[in-house]
C-alpha atoms as a PDB file:
ATOM      1  CA  UNK A   1       0.000   0.000   0.000  1.00  0.00           C
ATOM      2  CA  UNK A   2       1.281   3.465  -0.829  1.00  0.00           C
ATOM      3  CA  UNK A   3       1.593   5.752   2.177  1.00  0.00           C
ATOM      4  CA  UNK A   4       2.412   9.427   1.884  1.00  0.00           C
ATOM      5  CA  UNK A   5       5.330  10.746   3.949  1.00  0.00           C
ATOM      6  CA  UNK A   6       2.804  12.387   6.296  1.00  0.00           C
ATOM      7  CA  UNK A   7       0.913   9.132   6.787  1.00  0.00           C
ATOM      8  CA  UNK A   8       3.870   6.845   7.464  1.00  0.00           C
ATOM      9  CA  UNK A   9       4.726   7.893  11.048  1.00  0.00           C
ATOM     10  CA  UNK A  10       1.049   8.135  11.989  1.00  0.00           C
ATOM     11  CA  UNK A  11       0.340   4.630  10.685  1.00  0.00           C
ATOM     12  CA  UNK A  12       3.354   3.265  12.596  1.00  0.00           C
ATOM     13  CA  UNK A  13       2.022   4.812  15.810  1.00  0.00           C
ATOM     14  CA  UNK A  14      -1.468   3.454  15.094  1.00  0.00           C
ATOM     15  CA  UNK A  15      -0.079  -0.072  14.589  1.00  0.00           C
ATOM     16  CA  UNK A  16       1.837   0.180  17.875  1.00  0.00           C
ATOM     17  CA  UNK A  17      -1.287   1.392  19.699  1.00  0.00           C
ATOM     18  CA  UNK A  18      -3.393  -1.404  18.191  1.00  0.00           C
ATOM     19  CA  UNK A  19      -0.853  -4.017  19.276  1.00  0.00           C
ATOM     20  CA  UNK A  20      -0.658  -2.537  22.787  1.00  0.00           C
ATOM     21  CA  UNK A  21      -4.408  -2.840  23.226  1.00  0.00           C
ATOM     22  CA  UNK A  22      -4.578  -6.337  21.748  1.00  0.00           C
ATOM     23  CA  UNK A  23      -1.662  -7.760  23.754  1.00  0.00           C
ATOM     24  CA  UNK A  24      -2.696  -6.143  27.031  1.00  0.00           C
ATOM     25  CA  UNK A  25       0.722  -4.569  27.603  1.00  0.00           C
ATOM     26  CA  UNK A  26      -0.981  -2.116  29.912  1.00  0.00           C
ATOM     27  CA  UNK A  27      -2.369  -2.675  33.378  1.00  0.00           C
ATOM     28  CA  UNK A  28      -5.926  -1.682  34.126  1.00  0.00           C
ATOM     29  CA  UNK A  29      -7.940   0.425  31.747  1.00  0.00           C
ATOM     30  CA  UNK A  30      -6.094   1.469  28.572  1.00  0.00           C
ATOM     31  CA  UNK A  31      -5.400   5.177  28.848  1.00  0.00           C
ATOM     32  CA  UNK A  32      -3.246   5.739  25.770  1.00  0.00           C
ATOM     33  CA  UNK A  33      -4.375   6.963  22.387  1.00  0.00           C
ATOM     34  CA  UNK A  34      -6.195   4.297  20.401  1.00  0.00           C
ATOM     35  CA  UNK A  35      -5.442   3.548  16.764  1.00  0.00           C
ATOM     36  CA  UNK A  36      -8.560   5.332  15.538  1.00  0.00           C
ATOM     37  CA  UNK A  37      -7.742   8.442  17.559  1.00  0.00           C
ATOM     38  CA  UNK A  38      -4.264   8.476  16.035  1.00  0.00           C
ATOM     39  CA  UNK A  39      -5.637   8.110  12.497  1.00  0.00           C
ATOM     40  CA  UNK A  40      -8.079  10.963  13.172  1.00  0.00           C
ATOM     41  CA  UNK A  41      -5.071  13.293  13.528  1.00  0.00           C
ATOM     42  CA  UNK A  42      -4.614  13.171   9.755  1.00  0.00           C
ATOM     43  CA  UNK A  43      -8.158  14.462   9.095  1.00  0.00           C
ATOM     44  CA  UNK A  44      -8.600  12.213   6.074  1.00  0.00           C
ATOM     45  CA  UNK A  45     -11.630  11.491   3.935  1.00  0.00           C
ATOM     46  CA  UNK A  46     -13.765   8.625   5.251  1.00  0.00           C
ATOM     47  CA  UNK A  47     -12.665   6.373   2.383  1.00  0.00           C
ATOM     48  CA  UNK A  48      -8.944   6.906   3.008  1.00  0.00           C
ATOM     49  CA  UNK A  49      -9.449   6.598   6.785  1.00  0.00           C
ATOM     50  CA  UNK A  50     -11.175   3.227   6.301  1.00  0.00           C
ATOM     51  CA  UNK A  51      -8.411   2.031   3.995  1.00  0.00           C
ATOM     52  CA  UNK A  52      -5.710   3.018   6.470  1.00  0.00           C
ATOM     53  CA  UNK A  53      -7.630   1.462   9.368  1.00  0.00           C
ATOM     54  CA  UNK A  54      -7.843  -1.833   7.487  1.00  0.00           C
ATOM     55  CA  UNK A  55      -4.118  -1.600   6.714  1.00  0.00           C
ATOM     56  CA  UNK A  56      -3.314  -0.956  10.391  1.00  0.00           C
ATOM     57  CA  UNK A  57      -5.318  -3.999  11.482  1.00  0.00           C
ATOM     58  CA  UNK A  58      -3.801  -6.210   8.791  1.00  0.00           C
ATOM     59  CA  UNK A  59      -0.271  -5.089   9.681  1.00  0.00           C
ATOM     60  CA  UNK A  60      -0.784  -5.418  13.436  1.00  0.00           C
ATOM     61  CA  UNK A  61      -2.422  -8.837  13.248  1.00  0.00           C
ATOM     62  CA  UNK A  62       0.395 -10.229  11.117  1.00  0.00           C
ATOM     63  CA  UNK A  63       0.090 -13.366   9.042  1.00  0.00           C
ATOM     64  CA  UNK A  64      -2.704 -15.725   9.906  1.00  0.00           C
ATOM     65  CA  UNK A  65      -1.996 -19.293  10.800  1.00  0.00           C
ATOM     66  CA  UNK A  66      -3.167 -20.448   7.396  1.00  0.00           C
ATOM     67  CA  UNK A  67      -0.801 -18.095   5.557  1.00  0.00           C
ATOM     68  CA  UNK A  68       2.325 -19.058   7.502  1.00  0.00           C
END
């Protein structure tokens, strides 16, 4: 997927936030910025936001067991 230079660091942070929530690296209630809050910083169109959100989830989840 093509990411603009402005999107690259934001997507990296969103992937890290998604992984932190999924792996429970925090104790108690998660108080950090969530992946969707981080993507909202870019103020993108709904179509591009959805595409990036799907990319963040796909990247954070990694390969599925079937694709290994």
